[in-house]
PDB file of N, CA and C in Angstrom:
ATOM      1  N   MET A   1      17.212 -13.322  22.201  1.00  0.00           N
ATOM      2  CA  MET A   1      17.117 -11.922  22.585  1.00  0.00           C
ATOM      3  C   MET A   1      17.863 -11.733  23.901  1.00  0.00           C
ATOM      4  N   SER A   2      18.261 -10.517  24.152  1.00  0.00           N
ATOM      5  CA  SER A   2      19.075 -10.232  25.324  1.00  0.00           C
ATOM      6  C   SER A   2      18.271 -10.302  26.623  1.00  0.00           C
ATOM      7  N   ALA A   3      18.983 -10.300  27.717  1.00  0.00           N
ATOM      8  CA  ALA A   3      18.370 -10.369  29.037  1.00  0.00           C
ATOM      9  C   ALA A   3      17.588  -9.095  29.371  1.00  0.00           C
ATOM     10  N   ILE A   4      17.944  -7.977  28.779  1.00  0.00           N
ATOM     11  CA  ILE A   4      17.279  -6.704  29.084  1.00  0.00           C
ATOM     12  C   ILE A   4      15.972  -6.533  28.306  1.00  0.00           C
ATOM     13  N   HIS A   5      15.802  -7.279  27.221  1.00  0.00           N
ATOM     14  CA  HIS A   5      14.616  -7.093  26.375  1.00  0.00           C
ATOM     15  C   HIS A   5      13.291  -7.257  27.143  1.00  0.00           C
ATOM     16  N   PRO A   6      13.150  -8.256  28.027  1.00  0.00           N
ATOM     17  CA  PRO A   6      11.884  -8.349  28.784  1.00  0.00           C
ATOM     18  C   PRO A   6      11.611  -7.099  29.636  1.00  0.00           C
ATOM     19  N   ARG A   7      12.656  -6.497  30.185  1.00  0.00           N
ATOM     20  CA  ARG A   7      12.475  -5.277  30.986  1.00  0.00           C
ATOM     21  C   ARG A   7      12.053  -4.117  30.095  1.00  0.00           C
ATOM     22  N   ILE A   8      12.632  -4.026  28.902  1.00  0.00           N
ATOM     23  CA  ILE A   8      12.239  -2.987  27.950  1.00  0.00           C
ATOM     24  C   ILE A   8      10.761  -3.150  27.603  1.00  0.00           C
ATOM     25  N   THR A   9      10.354  -4.378  27.334  1.00  0.00           N
ATOM     26  CA  THR A   9       8.953  -4.659  27.011  1.00  0.00           C
ATOM     27  C   THR A   9       8.045  -4.270  28.173  1.00  0.00           C
ATOM     28  N   GLU A  10       8.449  -4.608  29.383  1.00  0.00           N
ATOM     29  CA  GLU A  10       7.655  -4.281  30.571  1.00  0.00           C
ATOM     30  C   GLU A  10       7.489  -2.770  30.730  1.00  0.00           C
ATOM     31  N   VAL A  11       8.562  -2.023  30.575  1.00  0.00           N
ATOM     32  CA  VAL A  11       8.493  -0.559  30.699  1.00  0.00           C
ATOM     33  C   VAL A  11       7.587   0.019  29.614  1.00  0.00           C
ATOM     34  N   LEU A  12       7.743  -0.460  28.394  1.00  0.00           N
ATOM     35  CA  LEU A  12       6.930   0.067  27.300  1.00  0.00           C
ATOM     36  C   LEU A  12       5.447  -0.230  27.492  1.00  0.00           C
ATOM     37  N   THR A  13       5.118  -1.439  27.936  1.00  0.00           N
ATOM     38  CA  THR A  13       3.702  -1.791  28.088  1.00  0.00           C
ATOM     39  C   THR A  13       3.077  -1.187  29.333  1.00  0.00           C
ATOM     40  N   GLN A  14       3.787  -1.207  30.441  1.00  0.00           N
ATOM     41  CA  GLN A  14       3.195  -0.740  31.689  1.00  0.00           C
ATOM     42  C   GLN A  14       3.252   0.773  31.868  1.00  0.00           C
ATOM     43  N   THR A  15       4.365   1.371  31.544  1.00  0.00           N
ATOM     44  CA  THR A  15       4.519   2.813  31.753  1.00  0.00           C
ATOM     45  C   THR A  15       3.965   3.624  30.593  1.00  0.00           C
ATOM     46  N   PHE A  16       4.235   3.172  29.374  1.00  0.00           N
ATOM     47  CA  PHE A  16       3.864   3.951  28.196  1.00  0.00           C
ATOM     48  C   PHE A  16       2.646   3.398  27.458  1.00  0.00           C
ATOM     49  N   LYS A  17       2.084   2.307  27.965  1.00  0.00           N
ATOM     50  CA  LYS A  17       0.861   1.708  27.419  1.00  0.00           C
ATOM     51  C   LYS A  17       0.982   1.342  25.935  1.00  0.00           C
ATOM     52  N   VAL A  18       2.184   0.951  25.526  1.00  0.00           N
ATOM     53  CA  VAL A  18       2.386   0.456  24.166  1.00  0.00           C
ATOM     54  C   VAL A  18       1.844  -0.974  24.124  1.00  0.00           C
ATOM     55  N   PRO A  19       0.962  -1.283  23.179  1.00  0.00           N
ATOM     56  CA  PRO A  19       0.447  -2.651  23.097  1.00  0.00           C
ATOM     57  C   PRO A  19       1.575  -3.654  22.856  1.00  0.00           C
ATOM     58  N   ALA A  20       1.575  -4.732  23.616  1.00  0.00           N
ATOM     59  CA  ALA A  20       2.630  -5.743  23.501  1.00  0.00           C
ATOM     60  C   ALA A  20       2.742  -6.283  22.085  1.00  0.00           C
ATOM     61  N   ALA A  21       1.632  -6.334  21.370  1.00  0.00           N
ATOM     62  CA  ALA A  21       1.638  -6.846  19.993  1.00  0.00           C
ATOM     63  C   ALA A  21       2.442  -5.966  19.043  1.00  0.00           C
ATOM     64  N   GLU A  22       2.737  -4.736  19.435  1.00  0.00           N
ATOM     65  CA  GLU A  22       3.504  -3.813  18.593  1.00  0.00           C
ATOM     66  C   GLU A  22       4.997  -3.812  18.918  1.00  0.00           C
ATOM     67  N   ILE A  23       5.387  -4.548  19.944  1.00  0.00           N
ATOM     68  CA  ILE A  23       6.777  -4.529  20.396  1.00  0.00           C
ATOM     69  C   ILE A  23       7.536  -5.711  19.804  1.00  0.00           C
ATOM     70  N   TYR A  24       8.437  -5.386  18.886  1.00  0.00           N
ATOM     71  CA  TYR A  24       9.287  -6.368  18.218  1.00  0.00           C
ATOM     72  C   TYR A  24      10.739  -5.929  18.360  1.00  0.00           C
ATOM     73  N   PRO A  25      11.681  -6.850  18.241  1.00  0.00           N
ATOM     74  CA  PRO A  25      13.091  -6.439  18.295  1.00  0.00           C
ATOM     75  C   PRO A  25      13.430  -5.361  17.264  1.00  0.00           C
ATOM     76  N   GLY A  26      12.735  -5.355  16.127  1.00  0.00           N
ATOM     77  CA  GLY A  26      13.011  -4.377  15.077  1.00  0.00           C
ATOM     78  C   GLY A  26      12.257  -3.068  15.226  1.00  0.00           C
ATOM     79  N   SER A  27      11.437  -2.935  16.265  1.00  0.00           N
ATOM     80  CA  SER A  27      10.684  -1.696  16.491  1.00  0.00           C
ATOM     81  C   SER A  27      11.630  -0.570  16.891  1.00  0.00           C
ATOM     82  N   THR A  28      11.292   0.636  16.473  1.00  0.00           N
ATOM     83  CA  THR A  28      12.032   1.834  16.885  1.00  0.00           C
ATOM     84  C   THR A  28      11.117   2.681  17.763  1.00  0.00           C
ATOM     85  N   MET A  29      11.679   3.653  18.426  1.00  0.00           N
ATOM     86  CA  MET A  29      10.859   4.552  19.238  1.00  0.00           C
ATOM     87  C   MET A  29       9.843   5.282  18.362  1.00  0.00           C
ATOM     88  N   ASP A  30      10.257   5.678  17.162  1.00  0.00           N
ATOM     89  CA  ASP A  30       9.330   6.336  16.237  1.00  0.00           C
ATOM     90  C   ASP A  30       8.193   5.407  15.843  1.00  0.00           C
ATOM     91  N   SER A  31       8.505   4.157  15.544  1.00  0.00           N
ATOM     92  CA  SER A  31       7.454   3.230  15.120  1.00  0.00           C
ATOM     93  C   SER A  31       6.485   2.923  16.255  1.00  0.00           C
ATOM     94  N   LEU A  32       6.919   3.111  17.497  1.00  0.00           N
ATOM     95  CA  LEU A  32       6.054   2.914  18.658  1.00  0.00           C
ATOM     96  C   LEU A  32       5.350   4.209  19.067  1.00  0.00           C
ATOM     97  N   GLU A  33       5.563   5.247  18.253  1.00  0.00           N
ATOM     98  CA  GLU A  33       4.948   6.561  18.454  1.00  0.00           C
ATOM     99  C   GLU A  33       5.308   7.185  19.797  1.00  0.00           C
ATOM    100  N   MET A  34       6.577   7.023  20.178  1.00  0.00           N
ATOM    101  CA  MET A  34       7.095   7.615  21.408  1.00  0.00           C
ATOM    102  C   MET A  34       7.583   9.034  21.086  1.00  0.00           C
ATOM    103  N   ASP A  35       7.027  10.036  21.766  1.00  0.00           N
ATOM    104  CA  ASP A  35       7.475  11.403  21.541  1.00  0.00           C
ATOM    105  C   ASP A  35       8.778  11.656  22.304  1.00  0.00           C
ATOM    106  N   SER A  36       9.323  12.842  22.166  1.00  0.00           N
ATOM    107  CA  SER A  36      10.636  13.133  22.743  1.00  0.00           C
ATOM    108  C   SER A  36      10.639  13.015  24.263  1.00  0.00           C
ATOM    109  N   LEU A  37       9.594  13.443  24.916  1.00  0.00           N
ATOM    110  CA  LEU A  37       9.527  13.328  26.369  1.00  0.00           C
ATOM    111  C   LEU A  37       9.460  11.864  26.789  1.00  0.00           C
ATOM    112  N   ALA A  38       8.693  11.070  26.074  1.00  0.00           N
ATOM    113  CA  ALA A  38       8.580   9.642  26.381  1.00  0.00           C
ATOM    114  C   ALA A  38       9.920   8.937  26.187  1.00  0.00           C
ATOM    115  N   VAL A  39      10.640   9.293  25.134  1.00  0.00           N
ATOM    116  CA  VAL A  39      11.947   8.678  24.880  1.00  0.00           C
ATOM    117  C   VAL A  39      12.913   9.011  26.020  1.00  0.00           C
ATOM    118  N   ALA A  40      12.896  10.259  26.471  1.00  0.00           N
ATOM    119  CA  ALA A  40      13.778  10.662  27.580  1.00  0.00           C
ATOM    120  C   ALA A  40      13.399   9.919  28.858  1.00  0.00           C
ATOM    121  N   GLU A  41      12.104   9.822  29.142  1.00  0.00           N
ATOM    122  CA  GLU A  41      11.655   9.117  30.338  1.00  0.00           C
ATOM    123  C   GLU A  41      11.990   7.628  30.251  1.00  0.00           C
ATOM    124  N   PHE A  42      11.817   7.035  29.077  1.00  0.00           N
ATOM    125  CA  PHE A  42      12.159   5.635  28.849  1.00  0.00           C
ATOM    126  C   PHE A  42      13.635   5.396  29.171  1.00  0.00           C
ATOM    127  N   ALA A  43      14.502   6.267  28.676  1.00  0.00           N
ATOM    128  CA  ALA A  43      15.939   6.124  28.915  1.00  0.00           C
ATOM    129  C   ALA A  43      16.254   6.158  30.406  1.00  0.00           C
ATOM    130  N   VAL A  44      15.632   7.077  31.130  1.00  0.00           N
ATOM    131  CA  VAL A  44      15.863   7.187  32.576  1.00  0.00           C
ATOM    132  C   VAL A  44      15.387   5.919  33.283  1.00  0.00           C
ATOM    133  N   LEU A  45      14.181   5.461  32.946  1.00  0.00           N
ATOM    134  CA  LEU A  45      13.636   4.260  33.593  1.00  0.00           C
ATOM    135  C   LEU A  45      14.495   3.032  33.339  1.00  0.00           C
ATOM    136  N   ILE A  46      14.959   2.861  32.121  1.00  0.00           N
ATOM    137  CA  ILE A  46      15.792   1.694  31.803  1.00  0.00           C
ATOM    138  C   ILE A  46      17.119   1.778  32.549  1.00  0.00           C
ATOM    139  N   ARG A  47      17.720   2.957  32.576  1.00  0.00           N
ATOM    140  CA  ARG A  47      18.983   3.112  33.325  1.00  0.00           C
ATOM    141  C   ARG A  47      18.776   2.812  34.801  1.00  0.00           C
ATOM    142  N   GLU A  48      17.705   3.340  35.386  1.00  0.00           N
ATOM    143  CA  GLU A  48      17.453   3.134  36.815  1.00  0.00           C
ATOM    144  C   GLU A  48      17.168   1.675  37.148  1.00  0.00           C
ATOM    145  N   THR A  49      16.383   1.008  36.331  1.00  0.00           N
ATOM    146  CA  THR A  49      15.976  -0.355  36.654  1.00  0.00           C
ATOM    147  C   THR A  49      17.040  -1.392  36.342  1.00  0.00           C
ATOM    148  N   THR A  50      17.983  -1.042  35.482  1.00  0.00           N
ATOM    149  CA  THR A  50      19.040  -1.999  35.155  1.00  0.00           C
ATOM    150  C   THR A  50      20.343  -1.672  35.861  1.00  0.00           C
ATOM    151  N   GLY A  51      20.402  -0.511  36.482  1.00  0.00           N
ATOM    152  CA  GLY A  51      21.633  -0.113  37.148  1.00  0.00           C
ATOM    153  C   GLY A  51      22.697   0.335  36.164  1.00  0.00           C
ATOM    154  N   GLY A  52      22.321   0.505  34.918  1.00  0.00           N
ATOM    155  CA  GLY A  52      23.280   0.940  33.900  1.00  0.00           C
ATOM    156  C   GLY A  52      23.491   2.438  33.955  1.00  0.00           C
ATOM    157  N   ASP A  53      24.587   2.866  33.385  1.00  0.00           N
ATOM    158  CA  ASP A  53      24.867   4.300  33.341  1.00  0.00           C
ATOM    159  C   ASP A  53      25.142   4.761  31.919  1.00  0.00           C
ATOM    160  N   ARG A  54      24.653   3.991  30.958  1.00  0.00           N
ATOM    161  CA  ARG A  54      24.893   4.327  29.555  1.00  0.00           C
ATOM    162  C   ARG A  54      24.118   5.574  29.156  1.00  0.00           C
ATOM    163  N   ASP A  55      24.681   6.354  28.285  1.00  0.00           N
ATOM    164  CA  ASP A  55      24.065   7.567  27.772  1.00  0.00           C
ATOM    165  C   ASP A  55      23.359   7.232  26.462  1.00  0.00           C
ATOM    166  N   PHE A  56      22.044   7.286  26.459  1.00  0.00           N
ATOM    167  CA  PHE A  56      21.270   6.929  25.279  1.00  0.00           C
ATOM    168  C   PHE A  56      21.535   7.864  24.104  1.00  0.00           C
ATOM    169  N   ASP A  57      22.126   9.018  24.346  1.00  0.00           N
ATOM    170  CA  ASP A  57      22.461   9.921  23.244  1.00  0.00           C
ATOM    171  C   ASP A  57      23.501   9.309  22.318  1.00  0.00           C
ATOM    172  N   GLN A  58      24.167   8.242  22.762  1.00  0.00           N
ATOM    173  CA  GLN A  58      25.152   7.566  21.919  1.00  0.00           C
ATOM    174  C   GLN A  58      24.494   6.652  20.885  1.00  0.00           C
ATOM    175  N   LEU A  59      23.202   6.359  21.074  1.00  0.00           N
ATOM    176  CA  LEU A  59      22.499   5.480  20.137  1.00  0.00           C
ATOM    177  C   LEU A  59      22.038   6.261  18.916  1.00  0.00           C
ATOM    178  N   PRO A  60      22.030   5.615  17.749  1.00  0.00           N
ATOM    179  CA  PRO A  60      21.463   6.273  16.569  1.00  0.00           C
ATOM    180  C   PRO A  60      19.978   6.525  16.786  1.00  0.00           C
ATOM    181  N   LYS A  61      19.453   7.592  16.201  1.00  0.00           N
ATOM    182  CA  LYS A  61      18.043   7.945  16.350  1.00  0.00           C
ATOM    183  C   LYS A  61      17.133   6.801  15.919  1.00  0.00           C
ATOM    184  N   ASP A  62      17.536   6.060  14.905  1.00  0.00           N
ATOM    185  CA  ASP A  62      16.710   4.969  14.381  1.00  0.00           C
ATOM    186  C   ASP A  62      17.059   3.615  15.014  1.00  0.00           C
ATOM    187  N   ALA A  63      17.635   3.640  16.212  1.00  0.00           N
ATOM    188  CA  ALA A  63      17.998   2.393  16.894  1.00  0.00           C
ATOM    189  C   ALA A  63      16.741   1.557  17.142  1.00  0.00           C
ATOM    190  N   THR A  64      16.882   0.266  16.928  1.00  0.00           N
ATOM    191  CA  THR A  64      15.778  -0.657  17.198  1.00  0.00           C
ATOM    192  C   THR A  64      15.820  -1.086  18.660  1.00  0.00           C
ATOM    193  N   LEU A  65      14.761  -1.749  19.102  1.00  0.00           N
ATOM    194  CA  LEU A  65      14.769  -2.274  20.466  1.00  0.00           C
ATOM    195  C   LEU A  65      15.885  -3.296  20.644  1.00  0.00           C
ATOM    196  N   ALA A  66      16.181  -4.058  19.592  1.00  0.00           N
ATOM    197  CA  ALA A  66      17.300  -5.008  19.655  1.00  0.00           C
ATOM    198  C   ALA A  66      18.624  -4.252  19.844  1.00  0.00           C
ATOM    199  N   ASP A  67      18.782  -3.121  19.145  1.00  0.00           N
ATOM    200  CA  ASP A  67      19.986  -2.297  19.312  1.00  0.00           C
ATOM    201  C   ASP A  67      20.086  -1.774  20.746  1.00  0.00           C
ATOM    202  N   ILE A  68      18.960  -1.305  21.277  1.00  0.00           N
ATOM    203  CA  ILE A  68      18.949  -0.777  22.642  1.00  0.00           C
ATOM    204  C   ILE A  68      19.288  -1.884  23.636  1.00  0.00           C
ATOM    205  N   SER A  69      18.738  -3.067  23.423  1.00  0.00           N
ATOM    206  CA  SER A  69      19.038  -4.206  24.297  1.00  0.00           C
ATOM    207  C   SER A  69      20.527  -4.527  24.287  1.00  0.00           C
ATOM    208  N   ARG A  70      21.114  -4.594  23.099  1.00  0.00           N
ATOM    209  CA  ARG A  70      22.563  -4.872  22.995  1.00  0.00           C
ATOM    210  C   ARG A  70      23.371  -3.775  23.655  1.00  0.00           C
ATOM    211  N   PHE A  71      22.957  -2.538  23.440  1.00  0.00           N
ATOM    212  CA  PHE A  71      23.635  -1.381  24.013  1.00  0.00           C
ATOM    213  C   PHE A  71      23.663  -1.478  25.538  1.00  0.00           C
ATOM    214  N   MET A  72      22.527  -1.813  26.131  1.00  0.00           N
ATOM    215  CA  MET A  72      22.458  -1.931  27.587  1.00  0.00           C
ATOM    216  C   MET A  72      23.217  -3.161  28.078  1.00  0.00           C
ATOM    217  N   ASP A  73      23.168  -4.253  27.329  1.00  0.00           N
ATOM    218  CA  ASP A  73      23.888  -5.467  27.720  1.00  0.00           C
ATOM    219  C   ASP A  73      25.402  -5.255  27.731  1.00  0.00           C
ATOM    220  N   THR A  74      25.891  -4.396  26.849  1.00  0.00           N
ATOM    221  CA  THR A  74      27.329  -4.164  26.794  1.00  0.00           C
ATOM    222  C   THR A  74      27.811  -3.228  27.893  1.00  0.00           C
ATOM    223  N   ALA A  75      26.882  -2.570  28.584  1.00  0.00           N
ATOM    224  CA  ALA A  75      27.268  -1.618  29.639  1.00  0.00           C
ATOM    225  C   ALA A  75      28.132  -2.290  30.704  1.00  0.00           C
ATOM    226  N   ALA A  76      27.726  -3.471  31.108  1.00  0.00           N
ATOM    227  CA  ALA A  76      28.473  -4.180  32.150  1.00  0.00           C
ATOM    228  C   ALA A  76      29.840  -4.630  31.652  1.00  0.00           C
ATOM    229  N   ARG A  77      29.949  -4.841  30.354  1.00  0.00           N
ATOM    230  CA  ARG A  77      31.212  -5.313  29.776  1.00  0.00           C
ATOM    231  C   ARG A  77      32.062  -4.180  29.221  1.00  0.00           C
ATOM    232  N   GLY A  78      31.548  -2.944  29.308  1.00  0.00           N
ATOM    233  CA  GLY A  78      32.310  -1.810  28.791  1.00  0.00           C
ATOM    234  C   GLY A  78      32.434  -1.852  27.285  1.00  0.00           C
ATOM    235  N   GLY A  79      31.401  -2.349  26.617  1.00  0.00           N
ATOM    236  CA  GLY A  79      31.422  -2.536  25.175  1.00  0.00           C
ATOM    237  C   GLY A  79      31.362  -1.248  24.388  1.00  0.00           C
ATOM    238  N   ALA A  80      31.484  -1.418  23.104  1.00  0.00           N
ATOM    239  CA  ALA A  80      31.511  -0.290  22.175  1.00  0.00           C
ATOM    240  C   ALA A  80      30.107   0.205  21.872  1.00  0.00           C
ATOM    241  N   ARG A  81      30.055   1.348  21.252  1.00  0.00           N
ATOM    242  CA  ARG A  81      28.827   1.989  20.831  1.00  0.00           C
ATOM    243  C   ARG A  81      28.098   1.134  19.799  1.00  0.00           C
ATOM    244  N   VAL A  82      26.774   1.146  19.848  1.00  0.00           N
ATOM    245  CA  VAL A  82      25.953   0.405  18.903  1.00  0.00           C
ATOM    246  C   VAL A  82      25.641   1.294  17.718  1.00  0.00           C
ATOM    247  N   GLY A  83      25.789   0.768  16.527  1.00  0.00           N
ATOM    248  CA  GLY A  83      25.435   1.521  15.321  1.00  0.00           C
ATOM    249  C   GLY A  83      26.463   2.573  14.988  1.00  0.00           C
ATOM    250  N   GLY A  84      26.330   3.116  13.796  1.00  0.00           N
ATOM    251  CA  GLY A  84      27.294   4.110  13.393  1.00  0.00           C
ATOM    252  C   GLY A  84      26.648   5.392  12.915  1.00  0.00           C
ATOM    253  N   GLY A  85      25.321   5.480  13.069  1.00  0.00           N
ATOM    254  CA  GLY A  85      24.603   6.633  12.560  1.00  0.00           C
ATOM    255  C   GLY A  85      24.634   7.796  13.529  1.00  0.00           C
ATOM    256  N   ALA A  86      23.794   8.773  13.217  1.00  0.00           N
ATOM    257  CA  ALA A  86      23.677   9.960  14.060  1.00  0.00           C
ATOM    258  C   ALA A  86      23.120   9.545  15.430  1.00  0.00           C
ATOM    259  N   ALA A  87      23.464  10.306  16.424  1.00  0.00           N
ATOM    260  CA  ALA A  87      23.029   9.992  17.781  1.00  0.00           C
ATOM    261  C   ALA A  87      21.519  10.108  17.922  1.00  0.00           C
ATOM    262  N   MET A  88      20.965   9.290  18.837  1.00  0.00           N
ATOM    263  CA  MET A  88      19.533   9.317  19.099  1.00  0.00           C
ATOM    264  C   MET A  88      19.174  10.689  19.632  1.00  0.00           C
ATOM    265  N   SER A  89      18.136  11.245  19.092  1.00  0.00           N
ATOM    266  CA  SER A  89      17.683  12.557  19.504  1.00  0.00           C
ATOM    267  C   SER A  89      16.335  12.445  20.182  1.00  0.00           C
ATOM    268  N   ASN A  90      16.094  13.282  21.134  1.00  0.00           N
ATOM    269  CA  ASN A  90      14.789  13.310  21.773  1.00  0.00           C
ATOM    270  C   ASN A  90      13.852  14.231  21.025  1.00  0.00           C
ATOM    271  N   ALA A  91      14.314  14.853  19.968  1.00  0.00           N
ATOM    272  CA  ALA A  91      13.462  15.746  19.180  1.00  0.00           C
ATOM    273  C   ALA A  91      12.834  14.972  18.039  1.00  0.00           C
ATOM    274  N   ARG A  92      11.612  15.296  17.752  1.00  0.00           N
ATOM    275  CA  ARG A  92      10.909  14.659  16.632  1.00  0.00           C
ATOM    276  C   ARG A  92      10.877  15.590  15.469  1.00  0.00           C
TER     277      ARG A  92
END
């Protein structure tokens, strides 16, 4: 798993009180029952704590935590967009 995944897990468990047992690389924001406000706040927290400037709107709505980890890991390398689906939406 990527270097950012532990930070994602920490934010989800501490800030959003998602049980650690529910956090898997294949989990999505929907499967973790994150509403649109929580998803937006999650994106801000991850950007701030990692120093990344990636726009989460580039991620597909059904992006997994593994996809998000890869997406953030590629920020430093100027990598390409993750996935090819519709952009992640904060609307449910």
